[in-house]
PDB file of N, CA and C in Angstrom:
ATOM      1  N   MET A   1     -12.007 -19.677   1.602  1.00  0.00           N
ATOM      2  CA  MET A   1     -12.661 -19.164   2.789  1.00  0.00           C
ATOM      3  C   MET A   1     -13.140 -20.289   3.685  1.00  0.00           C
ATOM      4  N   SER A   2     -13.349 -21.452   3.157  1.00  0.00           N
ATOM      5  CA  SER A   2     -13.849 -22.529   3.997  1.00  0.00           C
ATOM      6  C   SER A   2     -12.843 -23.669   4.039  1.00  0.00           C
ATOM      7  N   ASN A   3     -12.939 -24.461   5.070  1.00  0.00           N
ATOM      8  CA  ASN A   3     -12.081 -25.605   5.254  1.00  0.00           C
ATOM      9  C   ASN A   3     -12.711 -26.789   4.546  1.00  0.00           C
ATOM     10  N   LYS A   4     -11.990 -27.439   3.645  1.00  0.00           N
ATOM     11  CA  LYS A   4     -12.551 -28.538   2.860  1.00  0.00           C
ATOM     12  C   LYS A   4     -12.800 -29.764   3.713  1.00  0.00           C
ATOM     13  N   LYS A   5     -12.093 -29.935   4.823  1.00  0.00           N
ATOM     14  CA  LYS A   5     -12.260 -31.108   5.667  1.00  0.00           C
ATOM     15  C   LYS A   5     -13.486 -30.996   6.564  1.00  0.00           C
ATOM     16  N   SER A   6     -13.955 -29.806   6.805  1.00  0.00           N
ATOM     17  CA  SER A   6     -15.106 -29.579   7.671  1.00  0.00           C
ATOM     18  C   SER A   6     -16.345 -29.341   6.822  1.00  0.00           C
ATOM     19  N   LYS A   7     -17.496 -29.768   7.316  1.00  0.00           N
ATOM     20  CA  LYS A   7     -18.714 -29.524   6.551  1.00  0.00           C
ATOM     21  C   LYS A   7     -19.304 -28.139   6.824  1.00  0.00           C
ATOM     22  N   TYR A   8     -18.756 -27.450   7.809  1.00  0.00           N
ATOM     23  CA  TYR A   8     -19.184 -26.089   8.110  1.00  0.00           C
ATOM     24  C   TYR A   8     -18.129 -25.101   7.624  1.00  0.00           C
ATOM     25  N   PRO A   9     -18.544 -23.976   7.036  1.00  0.00           N
ATOM     26  CA  PRO A   9     -17.542 -23.006   6.569  1.00  0.00           C
ATOM     27  C   PRO A   9     -16.825 -22.338   7.739  1.00  0.00           C
ATOM     28  N   VAL A  10     -15.559 -22.175   7.588  1.00  0.00           N
ATOM     29  CA  VAL A  10     -14.740 -21.530   8.611  1.00  0.00           C
ATOM     30  C   VAL A  10     -14.173 -20.258   8.009  1.00  0.00           C
ATOM     31  N   LEU A  11     -14.477 -19.137   8.628  1.00  0.00           N
ATOM     32  CA  LEU A  11     -13.964 -17.858   8.131  1.00  0.00           C
ATOM     33  C   LEU A  11     -12.526 -17.679   8.584  1.00  0.00           C
ATOM     34  N   GLN A  12     -11.696 -17.322   7.652  1.00  0.00           N
ATOM     35  CA  GLN A  12     -10.302 -17.078   7.965  1.00  0.00           C
ATOM     36  C   GLN A  12     -10.061 -15.571   7.910  1.00  0.00           C
ATOM     37  N   VAL A  13      -9.489 -15.051   8.958  1.00  0.00           N
ATOM     38  CA  VAL A  13      -9.265 -13.617   9.061  1.00  0.00           C
ATOM     39  C   VAL A  13      -7.818 -13.313   8.707  1.00  0.00           C
ATOM     40  N   ASP A  14      -7.635 -12.398   7.791  1.00  0.00           N
ATOM     41  CA  ASP A  14      -6.291 -11.971   7.429  1.00  0.00           C
ATOM     42  C   ASP A  14      -5.871 -10.881   8.396  1.00  0.00           C
ATOM     43  N   LEU A  15      -5.152 -11.268   9.428  1.00  0.00           N
ATOM     44  CA  LEU A  15      -4.780 -10.314  10.471  1.00  0.00           C
ATOM     45  C   LEU A  15      -3.797  -9.266   9.981  1.00  0.00           C
ATOM     46  N   ARG A  16      -3.008  -9.615   8.982  1.00  0.00           N
ATOM     47  CA  ARG A  16      -2.050  -8.638   8.443  1.00  0.00           C
ATOM     48  C   ARG A  16      -2.783  -7.477   7.775  1.00  0.00           C
ATOM     49  N   LEU A  17      -3.833  -7.795   7.026  1.00  0.00           N
ATOM     50  CA  LEU A  17      -4.620  -6.751   6.368  1.00  0.00           C
ATOM     51  C   LEU A  17      -5.294  -5.854   7.392  1.00  0.00           C
ATOM     52  N   ILE A  18      -5.846  -6.446   8.434  1.00  0.00           N
ATOM     53  CA  ILE A  18      -6.530  -5.664   9.461  1.00  0.00           C
ATOM     54  C   ILE A  18      -5.542  -4.764  10.200  1.00  0.00           C
ATOM     55  N   SER A  19      -4.373  -5.302  10.524  1.00  0.00           N
ATOM     56  CA  SER A  19      -3.385  -4.472  11.230  1.00  0.00           C
ATOM     57  C   SER A  19      -2.869  -3.351  10.328  1.00  0.00           C
ATOM     58  N   ASP A  20      -2.712  -3.624   9.026  1.00  0.00           N
ATOM     59  CA  ASP A  20      -2.299  -2.570   8.094  1.00  0.00           C
ATOM     60  C   ASP A  20      -3.358  -1.472   8.009  1.00  0.00           C
ATOM     61  N   LEU A  21      -4.621  -1.856   7.974  1.00  0.00           N
ATOM     62  CA  LEU A  21      -5.700  -0.862   7.915  1.00  0.00           C
ATOM     63  C   LEU A  21      -5.740  -0.013   9.178  1.00  0.00           C
ATOM     64  N   VAL A  22      -5.515  -0.640  10.312  1.00  0.00           N
ATOM     65  CA  VAL A  22      -5.499   0.110  11.575  1.00  0.00           C
ATOM     66  C   VAL A  22      -4.345   1.110  11.580  1.00  0.00           C
ATOM     67  N   VAL A  23      -3.177   0.698  11.118  1.00  0.00           N
ATOM     68  CA  VAL A  23      -2.019   1.592  11.075  1.00  0.00           C
ATOM     69  C   VAL A  23      -2.291   2.764  10.144  1.00  0.00           C
ATOM     70  N   VAL A  24      -2.887   2.497   8.983  1.00  0.00           N
ATOM     71  CA  VAL A  24      -3.178   3.559   8.013  1.00  0.00           C
ATOM     72  C   VAL A  24      -4.182   4.554   8.577  1.00  0.00           C
ATOM     73  N   ILE A  25      -5.255   4.058   9.178  1.00  0.00           N
ATOM     74  CA  ILE A  25      -6.307   4.944   9.695  1.00  0.00           C
ATOM     75  C   ILE A  25      -5.789   5.784  10.861  1.00  0.00           C
ATOM     76  N   VAL A  26      -5.063   5.152  11.776  1.00  0.00           N
ATOM     77  CA  VAL A  26      -4.549   5.883  12.939  1.00  0.00           C
ATOM     78  C   VAL A  26      -3.518   6.928  12.520  1.00  0.00           C
ATOM     79  N   SER A  27      -2.608   6.562  11.613  1.00  0.00           N
ATOM     80  CA  SER A  27      -1.596   7.536  11.198  1.00  0.00           C
ATOM     81  C   SER A  27      -2.212   8.680  10.400  1.00  0.00           C
ATOM     82  N   ALA A  28      -3.229   8.385   9.579  1.00  0.00           N
ATOM     83  CA  ALA A  28      -3.899   9.461   8.847  1.00  0.00           C
ATOM     84  C   ALA A  28      -4.631  10.393   9.810  1.00  0.00           C
ATOM     85  N   ALA A  29      -5.247   9.834  10.837  1.00  0.00           N
ATOM     86  CA  ALA A  29      -5.942  10.667  11.814  1.00  0.00           C
ATOM     87  C   ALA A  29      -4.953  11.549  12.575  1.00  0.00           C
ATOM     88  N   ILE A  30      -3.840  10.978  12.986  1.00  0.00           N
ATOM     89  CA  ILE A  30      -2.836  11.764  13.715  1.00  0.00           C
ATOM     90  C   ILE A  30      -2.255  12.855  12.828  1.00  0.00           C
ATOM     91  N   GLY A  31      -1.922  12.494  11.586  1.00  0.00           N
ATOM     92  CA  GLY A  31      -1.390  13.492  10.660  1.00  0.00           C
ATOM     93  C   GLY A  31      -2.384  14.594  10.365  1.00  0.00           C
ATOM     94  N   GLY A  32      -3.663  14.232  10.208  1.00  0.00           N
ATOM     95  CA  GLY A  32      -4.696  15.231   9.962  1.00  0.00           C
ATOM     96  C   GLY A  32      -4.903  16.162  11.138  1.00  0.00           C
ATOM     97  N   ILE A  33      -4.879  15.609  12.338  1.00  0.00           N
ATOM     98  CA  ILE A  33      -5.062  16.428  13.544  1.00  0.00           C
ATOM     99  C   ILE A  33      -3.891  17.392  13.728  1.00  0.00           C
ATOM    100  N   ILE A  34      -2.682  16.883  13.528  1.00  0.00           N
ATOM    101  CA  ILE A  34      -1.500  17.738  13.700  1.00  0.00           C
ATOM    102  C   ILE A  34      -1.515  18.897  12.708  1.00  0.00           C
ATOM    103  N   PHE A  35      -1.792  18.600  11.436  1.00  0.00           N
ATOM    104  CA  PHE A  35      -1.774  19.662  10.432  1.00  0.00           C
ATOM    105  C   PHE A  35      -2.964  20.602  10.590  1.00  0.00           C
ATOM    106  N   SER A  36      -4.074  20.092  11.099  1.00  0.00           N
ATOM    107  CA  SER A  36      -5.214  20.964  11.371  1.00  0.00           C
ATOM    108  C   SER A  36      -4.893  21.943  12.495  1.00  0.00           C
ATOM    109  N   CYS A  37      -4.220  21.467  13.523  1.00  0.00           N
ATOM    110  CA  CYS A  37      -3.833  22.348  14.631  1.00  0.00           C
ATOM    111  C   CYS A  37      -2.795  23.382  14.199  1.00  0.00           C
ATOM    112  N   LEU A  38      -1.986  23.031  13.207  1.00  0.00           N
ATOM    113  CA  LEU A  38      -0.984  23.967  12.703  1.00  0.00           C
ATOM    114  C   LEU A  38      -1.563  24.956  11.697  1.00  0.00           C
ATOM    115  N   GLY A  39      -2.839  24.784  11.340  1.00  0.00           N
ATOM    116  CA  GLY A  39      -3.484  25.685  10.402  1.00  0.00           C
ATOM    117  C   GLY A  39      -3.178  25.372   8.948  1.00  0.00           C
ATOM    118  N   GLN A  40      -2.697  24.181   8.686  1.00  0.00           N
ATOM    119  CA  GLN A  40      -2.359  23.756   7.331  1.00  0.00           C
ATOM    120  C   GLN A  40      -3.489  22.877   6.776  1.00  0.00           C
ATOM    121  N   PRO A  41      -3.519  22.662   5.472  1.00  0.00           N
ATOM    122  CA  PRO A  41      -4.536  21.770   4.904  1.00  0.00           C
ATOM    123  C   PRO A  41      -4.385  20.342   5.438  1.00  0.00           C
ATOM    124  N   VAL A  42      -5.501  19.735   5.770  1.00  0.00           N
ATOM    125  CA  VAL A  42      -5.498  18.405   6.375  1.00  0.00           C
ATOM    126  C   VAL A  42      -4.981  17.354   5.392  1.00  0.00           C
ATOM    127  N   ILE A  43      -5.243  17.540   4.109  1.00  0.00           N
ATOM    128  CA  ILE A  43      -4.807  16.566   3.111  1.00  0.00           C
ATOM    129  C   ILE A  43      -3.291  16.429   3.087  1.00  0.00           C
ATOM    130  N   VAL A  44      -2.577  17.489   3.408  1.00  0.00           N
ATOM    131  CA  VAL A  44      -1.111  17.411   3.474  1.00  0.00           C
ATOM    132  C   VAL A  44      -0.689  16.480   4.608  1.00  0.00           C
ATOM    133  N   GLY A  45      -1.393  16.522   5.723  1.00  0.00           N
ATOM    134  CA  GLY A  45      -1.121  15.604   6.827  1.00  0.00           C
ATOM    135  C   GLY A  45      -1.387  14.164   6.449  1.00  0.00           C
ATOM    136  N   TYR A  46      -2.473  13.931   5.690  1.00  0.00           N
ATOM    137  CA  TYR A  46      -2.780  12.575   5.228  1.00  0.00           C
ATOM    138  C   TYR A  46      -1.680  12.055   4.308  1.00  0.00           C
ATOM    139  N   LEU A  47      -1.249  12.894   3.375  1.00  0.00           N
ATOM    140  CA  LEU A  47      -0.221  12.479   2.420  1.00  0.00           C
ATOM    141  C   LEU A  47       1.122  12.247   3.097  1.00  0.00           C
ATOM    142  N   LEU A  48       1.465  13.119   4.021  1.00  0.00           N
ATOM    143  CA  LEU A  48       2.727  12.967   4.732  1.00  0.00           C
ATOM    144  C   LEU A  48       2.719  11.706   5.602  1.00  0.00           C
ATOM    145  N   ALA A  49       1.606  11.447   6.264  1.00  0.00           N
ATOM    146  CA  ALA A  49       1.499  10.227   7.081  1.00  0.00           C
ATOM    147  C   ALA A  49       1.606   8.984   6.207  1.00  0.00           C
ATOM    148  N   GLY A  50       0.988   9.014   5.036  1.00  0.00           N
ATOM    149  CA  GLY A  50       1.072   7.875   4.136  1.00  0.00           C
ATOM    150  C   GLY A  50       2.471   7.640   3.610  1.00  0.00           C
ATOM    151  N   SER A  51       3.175   8.716   3.328  1.00  0.00           N
ATOM    152  CA  SER A  51       4.545   8.553   2.833  1.00  0.00           C
ATOM    153  C   SER A  51       5.497   8.109   3.941  1.00  0.00           C
ATOM    154  N   ILE A  52       5.197   8.466   5.181  1.00  0.00           N
ATOM    155  CA  ILE A  52       6.057   8.046   6.288  1.00  0.00           C
ATOM    156  C   ILE A  52       5.871   6.569   6.603  1.00  0.00           C
ATOM    157  N   ILE A  53       4.633   6.069   6.610  1.00  0.00           N
ATOM    158  CA  ILE A  53       4.410   4.673   6.987  1.00  0.00           C
ATOM    159  C   ILE A  53       4.551   3.711   5.818  1.00  0.00           C
ATOM    160  N   GLY A  54       4.634   4.210   4.612  1.00  0.00           N
ATOM    161  CA  GLY A  54       4.696   3.368   3.428  1.00  0.00           C
ATOM    162  C   GLY A  54       6.052   2.740   3.191  1.00  0.00           C
ATOM    163  N   PRO A  55       6.171   2.038   2.063  1.00  0.00           N
ATOM    164  CA  PRO A  55       7.426   1.341   1.750  1.00  0.00           C
ATOM    165  C   PRO A  55       8.613   2.279   1.540  1.00  0.00           C
ATOM    166  N   GLY A  56       8.369   3.531   1.209  1.00  0.00           N
ATOM    167  CA  GLY A  56       9.462   4.476   1.028  1.00  0.00           C
ATOM    168  C   GLY A  56       9.922   5.123   2.315  1.00  0.00           C
ATOM    169  N   GLY A  57       9.154   4.971   3.379  1.00  0.00           N
ATOM    170  CA  GLY A  57       9.498   5.606   4.653  1.00  0.00           C
ATOM    171  C   GLY A  57       9.968   4.595   5.678  1.00  0.00           C
ATOM    172  N   LEU A  58       9.199   4.461   6.746  1.00  0.00           N
ATOM    173  CA  LEU A  58       9.574   3.559   7.837  1.00  0.00           C
ATOM    174  C   LEU A  58       9.176   2.106   7.588  1.00  0.00           C
ATOM    175  N   LYS A  59       8.505   1.829   6.487  1.00  0.00           N
ATOM    176  CA  LYS A  59       8.121   0.476   6.055  1.00  0.00           C
ATOM    177  C   LYS A  59       7.199  -0.241   7.037  1.00  0.00           C
ATOM    178  N   PHE A  60       6.271   0.499   7.663  1.00  0.00           N
ATOM    179  CA  PHE A  60       5.246  -0.154   8.459  1.00  0.00           C
ATOM    180  C   PHE A  60       4.329  -0.962   7.561  1.00  0.00           C
ATOM    181  N   ILE A  61       4.033  -0.415   6.396  1.00  0.00           N
ATOM    182  CA  ILE A  61       3.202  -1.097   5.397  1.00  0.00           C
ATOM    183  C   ILE A  61       4.137  -1.516   4.260  1.00  0.00           C
ATOM    184  N   SER A  62       4.348  -2.819   4.130  1.00  0.00           N
ATOM    185  CA  SER A  62       5.276  -3.290   3.117  1.00  0.00           C
ATOM    186  C   SER A  62       4.572  -4.029   1.991  1.00  0.00           C
ATOM    187  N   GLU A  63       3.327  -4.440   2.204  1.00  0.00           N
ATOM    188  CA  GLU A  63       2.588  -5.188   1.192  1.00  0.00           C
ATOM    189  C   GLU A  63       1.936  -4.223   0.225  1.00  0.00           C
ATOM    190  N   LEU A  64       2.468  -4.150  -1.002  1.00  0.00           N
ATOM    191  CA  LEU A  64       1.969  -3.190  -1.973  1.00  0.00           C
ATOM    192  C   LEU A  64       0.663  -3.640  -2.614  1.00  0.00           C
ATOM    193  N   VAL A  65       0.393  -4.950  -2.652  1.00  0.00           N
ATOM    194  CA  VAL A  65      -0.801  -5.466  -3.318  1.00  0.00           C
ATOM    195  C   VAL A  65      -2.048  -5.077  -2.555  1.00  0.00           C
ATOM    196  N   GLN A  66      -1.994  -5.112  -1.234  1.00  0.00           N
ATOM    197  CA  GLN A  66      -3.178  -4.789  -0.452  1.00  0.00           C
ATOM    198  C   GLN A  66      -3.511  -3.341  -0.615  1.00  0.00           C
TER     199      GLN A  66
END
């Protein structure tokens, strides 16, 4: 987390993790809203959105460890 050459700690931001979280939250919200408007259970929208953006679908999220 810190730079050894500097005497002050430098925070390093993992932009890939943040962008993956944004994609997951936005797609879950969209899937939930769509299925709610269709009168279906919202959890089905969450699961479908996750399977679409995951490694088995369109591969927006490819890092399985995170």
